[in-house]
PDB file of N, CA and C in Angstrom:
ATOM      1  N   MET A   1      22.321  13.581   7.860  1.00  0.00           N
ATOM      2  CA  MET A   1      21.482  14.612   7.516  1.00  0.00           C
ATOM      3  C   MET A   1      20.566  14.631   6.735  1.00  0.00           C
ATOM      4  N   PRO A   2      19.053  15.116   7.173  1.00  0.00           N
ATOM      5  CA  PRO A   2      17.754  14.641   6.457  1.00  0.00           C
ATOM      6  C   PRO A   2      17.558  15.862   5.264  1.00  0.00           C
ATOM      7  N   LEU A   3      17.059  14.719   4.411  1.00  0.00           N
ATOM      8  CA  LEU A   3      17.042  15.477   3.079  1.00  0.00           C
ATOM      9  C   LEU A   3      16.133  16.382   2.856  1.00  0.00           C
ATOM     10  N   PRO A   4      15.866  17.661   2.059  1.00  0.00           N
ATOM     11  CA  PRO A   4      15.055  18.430   2.150  1.00  0.00           C
ATOM     12  C   PRO A   4      13.626  18.203   1.617  1.00  0.00           C
ATOM     13  N   MET A   5      12.853  18.626   1.836  1.00  0.00           N
ATOM     14  CA  MET A   5      11.162  18.270   1.683  1.00  0.00           C
ATOM     15  C   MET A   5      10.935  18.717   0.119  1.00  0.00           C
ATOM     16  N   PRO A   6      11.122  17.808  -1.018  1.00  0.00           N
ATOM     17  CA  PRO A   6      10.776  18.095  -2.069  1.00  0.00           C
ATOM     18  C   PRO A   6       9.438  19.330  -2.004  1.00  0.00           C
ATOM     19  N   GLU A   7       9.575  19.999  -3.339  1.00  0.00           N
ATOM     20  CA  GLU A   7       8.435  21.365  -3.532  1.00  0.00           C
ATOM     21  C   GLU A   7       7.800  21.207  -4.719  1.00  0.00           C
ATOM     22  N   ILE A   8       6.727  20.876  -4.929  1.00  0.00           N
ATOM     23  CA  ILE A   8       5.815  21.031  -6.366  1.00  0.00           C
ATOM     24  C   ILE A   8       6.069  21.996  -7.169  1.00  0.00           C
ATOM     25  N   THR A   9       6.867  21.939  -8.473  1.00  0.00           N
ATOM     26  CA  THR A   9       6.740  23.282  -9.000  1.00  0.00           C
ATOM     27  C   THR A   9       5.917  23.181 -10.221  1.00  0.00           C
ATOM     28  N   LEU A  10       5.983  24.012 -11.378  1.00  0.00           N
ATOM     29  CA  LEU A  10       4.993  24.539 -12.458  1.00  0.00           C
ATOM     30  C   LEU A  10       5.863  25.073 -13.174  1.00  0.00           C
ATOM     31  N   THR A  11       5.589  24.688 -14.745  1.00  0.00           N
ATOM     32  CA  THR A  11       6.365  25.215 -15.771  1.00  0.00           C
ATOM     33  C   THR A  11       5.366  24.870 -17.194  1.00  0.00           C
ATOM     34  N   SER A  12       6.145  25.361 -17.936  1.00  0.00           N
ATOM     35  CA  SER A  12       5.503  25.203 -19.507  1.00  0.00           C
ATOM     36  C   SER A  12       6.541  24.186 -20.208  1.00  0.00           C
ATOM     37  N   CYS A  13       5.778  23.420 -20.903  1.00  0.00           N
ATOM     38  CA  CYS A  13       6.806  22.365 -21.549  1.00  0.00           C
ATOM     39  C   CYS A  13       7.465  22.950 -22.659  1.00  0.00           C
ATOM     40  N   GLU A  14       8.678  22.830 -22.781  1.00  0.00           N
ATOM     41  CA  GLU A  14       9.355  23.482 -23.906  1.00  0.00           C
ATOM     42  C   GLU A  14       9.287  23.157 -25.376  1.00  0.00           C
ATOM     43  N   ARG A  15       8.488  21.791 -25.137  1.00  0.00           N
ATOM     44  CA  ARG A  15       8.150  21.248 -26.650  1.00  0.00           C
ATOM     45  C   ARG A  15       6.734  21.639 -27.052  1.00  0.00           C
ATOM     46  N   CYS A  16       5.305  21.268 -26.342  1.00  0.00           N
ATOM     47  CA  CYS A  16       4.399  21.503 -27.051  1.00  0.00           C
ATOM     48  C   CYS A  16       3.804  22.730 -25.888  1.00  0.00           C
ATOM     49  N   GLY A  17       3.987  23.550 -24.754  1.00  0.00           N
ATOM     50  CA  GLY A  17       3.439  24.929 -23.884  1.00  0.00           C
ATOM     51  C   GLY A  17       2.469  24.104 -22.895  1.00  0.00           C
ATOM     52  N   THR A  18       2.318  22.725 -22.878  1.00  0.00           N
ATOM     53  CA  THR A  18       1.515  22.162 -21.719  1.00  0.00           C
ATOM     54  C   THR A  18       2.035  22.768 -20.388  1.00  0.00           C
ATOM     55  N   VAL A  19       1.060  23.124 -19.680  1.00  0.00           N
ATOM     56  CA  VAL A  19       1.347  23.778 -18.264  1.00  0.00           C
ATOM     57  C   VAL A  19       1.612  22.035 -17.336  1.00  0.00           C
ATOM     58  N   ILE A  20       2.815  21.749 -16.905  1.00  0.00           N
ATOM     59  CA  ILE A  20       3.416  20.824 -16.259  1.00  0.00           C
ATOM     60  C   ILE A  20       3.784  20.923 -14.934  1.00  0.00           C
ATOM     61  N   ALA A  21       3.611  20.066 -13.821  1.00  0.00           N
ATOM     62  CA  ALA A  21       3.939  20.045 -12.481  1.00  0.00           C
ATOM     63  C   ALA A  21       5.320  18.983 -12.553  1.00  0.00           C
ATOM     64  N   GLY A  22       5.848  19.221 -11.740  1.00  0.00           N
ATOM     65  CA  GLY A  22       7.452  18.416 -11.101  1.00  0.00           C
ATOM     66  C   GLY A  22       7.461  18.673 -10.043  1.00  0.00           C
ATOM     67  N   LEU A  23       8.548  17.977  -9.430  1.00  0.00           N
ATOM     68  CA  LEU A  23       9.351  18.070  -8.296  1.00  0.00           C
ATOM     69  C   LEU A  23      10.316  18.540  -8.423  1.00  0.00           C
ATOM     70  N   ASP A  24      10.722  19.433  -7.238  1.00  0.00           N
ATOM     71  CA  ASP A  24      11.934  20.251  -7.501  1.00  0.00           C
ATOM     72  C   ASP A  24      12.496  20.948  -8.582  1.00  0.00           C
ATOM     73  N   GLY A  25      11.820  21.055  -9.709  1.00  0.00           N
ATOM     74  CA  GLY A  25      12.472  21.651 -11.188  1.00  0.00           C
ATOM     75  C   GLY A  25      12.698  20.286 -12.242  1.00  0.00           C
ATOM     76  N   ARG A  26      12.302  19.294 -12.100  1.00  0.00           N
ATOM     77  CA  ARG A  26      12.397  18.228 -12.603  1.00  0.00           C
ATOM     78  C   ARG A  26      11.232  17.784 -13.253  1.00  0.00           C
ATOM     79  N   TYR A  27      10.973  17.636 -14.597  1.00  0.00           N
ATOM     80  CA  TYR A  27       9.710  17.863 -15.196  1.00  0.00           C
ATOM     81  C   TYR A  27       9.596  16.623 -16.636  1.00  0.00           C
ATOM     82  N   ALA A  28       8.515  16.238 -16.677  1.00  0.00           N
ATOM     83  CA  ALA A  28       8.167  14.975 -17.993  1.00  0.00           C
ATOM     84  C   ALA A  28       6.897  15.806 -18.034  1.00  0.00           C
ATOM     85  N   CYS A  29       6.608  15.721 -19.498  1.00  0.00           N
ATOM     86  CA  CYS A  29       5.745  16.392 -20.108  1.00  0.00           C
ATOM     87  C   CYS A  29       4.647  14.893 -20.349  1.00  0.00           C
ATOM     88  N   GLY A  30       3.710  14.763 -20.209  1.00  0.00           N
ATOM     89  CA  GLY A  30       2.769  13.274 -20.252  1.00  0.00           C
ATOM     90  C   GLY A  30       2.098  13.505 -21.757  1.00  0.00           C
ATOM     91  N   GLY A  31       2.053  15.130 -22.088  1.00  0.00           N
ATOM     92  CA  GLY A  31       1.556  15.120 -23.624  1.00  0.00           C
ATOM     93  C   GLY A  31       2.268  15.041 -24.602  1.00  0.00           C
ATOM     94  N   CYS A  32       3.405  15.373 -24.703  1.00  0.00           N
ATOM     95  CA  CYS A  32       4.506  14.921 -25.852  1.00  0.00           C
ATOM     96  C   CYS A  32       5.555  13.994 -25.475  1.00  0.00           C
ATOM     97  N   GLY A  33       6.022  13.494 -23.978  1.00  0.00           N
ATOM     98  CA  GLY A  33       6.927  13.228 -23.850  1.00  0.00           C
ATOM     99  C   GLY A  33       8.292  13.896 -23.461  1.00  0.00           C
ATOM    100  N   TRP A  34       8.234  14.960 -23.546  1.00  0.00           N
ATOM    101  CA  TRP A  34       9.504  16.008 -23.161  1.00  0.00           C
ATOM    102  C   TRP A  34       9.785  15.443 -22.009  1.00  0.00           C
ATOM    103  N   VAL A  35      11.216  15.402 -21.456  1.00  0.00           N
ATOM    104  CA  VAL A  35      11.809  15.275 -20.122  1.00  0.00           C
ATOM    105  C   VAL A  35      13.252  16.590 -20.109  1.00  0.00           C
ATOM    106  N   ASN A  36      12.970  17.276 -18.976  1.00  0.00           N
ATOM    107  CA  ASN A  36      14.213  17.827 -18.930  1.00  0.00           C
ATOM    108  C   ASN A  36      15.279  17.196 -18.324  1.00  0.00           C
ATOM    109  N   HIS A  37      16.416  17.918 -18.439  1.00  0.00           N
ATOM    110  CA  HIS A  37      17.370  16.728 -18.004  1.00  0.00           C
ATOM    111  C   HIS A  37      17.933  17.153 -16.403  1.00  0.00           C
ATOM    112  N   TYR A  38      18.084  15.989 -15.804  1.00  0.00           N
ATOM    113  CA  TYR A  38      18.002  16.071 -14.196  1.00  0.00           C
ATOM    114  C   TYR A  38      19.103  17.076 -13.307  1.00  0.00           C
ATOM    115  N   SER A  39      20.023  17.518 -13.969  1.00  0.00           N
ATOM    116  CA  SER A  39      20.762  18.850 -13.359  1.00  0.00           C
ATOM    117  C   SER A  39      20.055  20.088 -13.349  1.00  0.00           C
ATOM    118  N   GLU A  40      18.870  20.254 -14.290  1.00  0.00           N
ATOM    119  CA  GLU A  40      18.507  21.370 -14.218  1.00  0.00           C
ATOM    120  C   GLU A  40      17.503  21.032 -13.101  1.00  0.00           C
ATOM    121  N   GLY A  41      17.496  20.773 -11.858  1.00  0.00           N
ATOM    122  CA  GLY A  41      16.742  20.501 -10.985  1.00  0.00           C
ATOM    123  C   GLY A  41      16.923  21.912  -9.788  1.00  0.00           C
ATOM    124  N   HIS A  42      16.472  21.556  -8.633  1.00  0.00           N
ATOM    125  CA  HIS A  42      16.719  22.831  -7.974  1.00  0.00           C
ATOM    126  C   HIS A  42      17.626  22.440  -6.999  1.00  0.00           C
ATOM    127  N   HIS A  43      17.879  20.602  -6.513  1.00  0.00           N
ATOM    128  CA  HIS A  43      18.840  20.170  -5.379  1.00  0.00           C
ATOM    129  C   HIS A  43      19.164  18.932  -6.132  1.00  0.00           C
ATOM    130  N   PRO A  44      20.151  18.978  -5.775  1.00  0.00           N
ATOM    131  CA  PRO A  44      21.064  17.652  -6.162  1.00  0.00           C
ATOM    132  C   PRO A  44      20.309  16.807  -5.899  1.00  0.00           C
ATOM    133  N   ILE A  45      20.390  15.394  -6.896  1.00  0.00           N
ATOM    134  CA  ILE A  45      19.661  14.213  -6.244  1.00  0.00           C
ATOM    135  C   ILE A  45      20.546  13.547  -5.240  1.00  0.00           C
ATOM    136  N   PRO A  46      20.004  13.201  -4.275  1.00  0.00           N
ATOM    137  CA  PRO A  46      20.454  12.265  -3.284  1.00  0.00           C
ATOM    138  C   PRO A  46      21.557  10.906  -3.925  1.00  0.00           C
ATOM    139  N   GLU A  47      22.632  10.696  -3.376  1.00  0.00           N
ATOM    140  CA  GLU A  47      23.007   9.498  -3.493  1.00  0.00           C
ATOM    141  C   GLU A  47      22.488   8.507  -2.527  1.00  0.00           C
ATOM    142  N   VAL A  48      22.681   7.376  -2.759  1.00  0.00           N
ATOM    143  CA  VAL A  48      22.065   6.148  -2.386  1.00  0.00           C
ATOM    144  C   VAL A  48      22.536   5.773  -0.605  1.00  0.00           C
ATOM    145  N   VAL A  49      23.804   6.776  -0.396  1.00  0.00           N
ATOM    146  CA  VAL A  49      23.679   6.270   0.784  1.00  0.00           C
ATOM    147  C   VAL A  49      23.172   7.368   1.885  1.00  0.00           C
ATOM    148  N   ASP A  50      22.630   8.569   1.058  1.00  0.00           N
ATOM    149  CA  ASP A  50      21.441   9.241   1.798  1.00  0.00           C
ATOM    150  C   ASP A  50      20.125   8.947   2.243  1.00  0.00           C
ATOM    151  N   ASP A  51      19.827   7.670   1.357  1.00  0.00           N
ATOM    152  CA  ASP A  51      18.494   7.035   1.679  1.00  0.00           C
ATOM    153  C   ASP A  51      18.238   6.380   2.811  1.00  0.00           C
ATOM    154  N   ASP A  52      17.316   6.878   3.906  1.00  0.00           N
ATOM    155  CA  ASP A  52      17.046   6.302   4.836  1.00  0.00           C
ATOM    156  C   ASP A  52      16.507   4.829   4.591  1.00  0.00           C
ATOM    157  N   ASP A  53      15.880   4.501   3.781  1.00  0.00           N
ATOM    158  CA  ASP A  53      15.356   3.311   3.485  1.00  0.00           C
ATOM    159  C   ASP A  53      16.349   2.263   2.729  1.00  0.00           C
ATOM    160  N   GLN A  54      17.483   2.379   2.617  1.00  0.00           N
ATOM    161  CA  GLN A  54      18.524   1.876   1.968  1.00  0.00           C
ATOM    162  C   GLN A  54      18.573   0.717   3.080  1.00  0.00           C
ATOM    163  N   GLY A  55      18.617  -0.854   2.585  1.00  0.00           N
ATOM    164  CA  GLY A  55      18.749  -2.015   3.245  1.00  0.00           C
ATOM    165  C   GLY A  55      17.346  -2.425   3.940  1.00  0.00           C
ATOM    166  N   ARG A  56      16.468  -1.538   4.204  1.00  0.00           N
ATOM    167  CA  ARG A  56      15.181  -1.927   4.780  1.00  0.00           C
ATOM    168  C   ARG A  56      14.636  -2.947   3.560  1.00  0.00           C
ATOM    169  N   PRO A  57      13.868  -3.875   4.076  1.00  0.00           N
ATOM    170  CA  PRO A  57      13.016  -4.501   3.149  1.00  0.00           C
ATOM    171  C   PRO A  57      11.962  -3.961   2.705  1.00  0.00           C
ATOM    172  N   ASN A  58      11.719  -4.324   1.206  1.00  0.00           N
ATOM    173  CA  ASN A  58      10.629  -3.577   0.505  1.00  0.00           C
ATOM    174  C   ASN A  58       9.228  -4.536   1.131  1.00  0.00           C
ATOM    175  N   ILE A  59       8.237  -3.708   1.763  1.00  0.00           N
ATOM    176  CA  ILE A  59       7.170  -4.817   2.489  1.00  0.00           C
ATOM    177  C   ILE A  59       6.092  -4.712   1.678  1.00  0.00           C
ATOM    178  N   LEU A  60       6.010  -3.944   0.245  1.00  0.00           N
ATOM    179  CA  LEU A  60       5.230  -3.987  -0.793  1.00  0.00           C
ATOM    180  C   LEU A  60       5.443  -5.206  -1.914  1.00  0.00           C
ATOM    181  N   GLN A  61       6.644  -5.991  -1.728  1.00  0.00           N
ATOM    182  CA  GLN A  61       6.588  -7.146  -2.691  1.00  0.00           C
ATOM    183  C   GLN A  61       6.039  -8.436  -2.073  1.00  0.00           C
TER     184      GLN A  61
END
């Protein structure tokens, strides 16, 4: 089953108010370091078995 295409989402940082972008509702603020909990995202995080690249050699190394 293919994984859903990630969506770029925007919000205000809960700590400092900076507008930040994230993927599927998961955010990290570069200004103050605030990070929301992974469970607040719009989709569940895929399992390793869902990763199409699993077991393939890393050609960038």
